[in-house]
Amino acid sequence: MPNTPTTILDARAMDRTLRRMAEEVVELNDGTDDLILVGIQRRGVQLAERLAHTIKERDGVDVPRGALDITLYRDDLQTVGPRPVVGPTDLPWNLEGKRVVIVDDVLYTGRTVRAALDELADFGRPARIALAVLVDRGGRELPIHADVVGKRIAVAARDRVDVLVRELDGRDAVVVVRREEAHE
């Protein structure tokens, strides 16, 4: 039975973190020319929208955004069940020569990002692909790292990190749900 979730970022801290990340994304890409933000379904899409909104506020540039649903690119698709729920992938731009920043909520094993890279390859060959994540919880199984990280935390493998966004969850927060070790 899980314990009470521990709040890592409340709404104000999450907003500050996303604003800093937006600045880092622009710096990493030497500006906004040829920049596209691509969120991974679900919460990465909302986070990409917020980063784009902050960039528009600061720099007056409306950065194109897209969405990836990596369900069919997962390496564990056979374990998902006979009818996986597939959301929309929306990449209406030619990615050739663009600087793409994949946006996700939590980086853990790296397998979601690997699937996103596989899917992006079906849409063209960007000049560069970077990764921005709100939370890096460690525990990588693949040699993948984020270029822009909102918050790094150490979390036990059995615990879960949940990113809540007001658009889907009614509030903004990052919480850790600690799970007790099973006793035999």
Foldseek 3Di string as FASTA:
>chain_A
DWDPWDFPWFQVLLLVLLLVLLVLVQVVVVHQVLEEEEEEPDPRQVSSVSSQVSCCVVPVDRHHYWYDHLQVLAPVNVVCDDDHDTDDTGDPDQQDQGEYEYEYAEAAACRSVVSVVVVVVVRHDYPYYAYEYAEYAYHYNDPDDHPHYSYYHHDDPQKDWDADDCVPHVGGTIIIIDDDDDDD
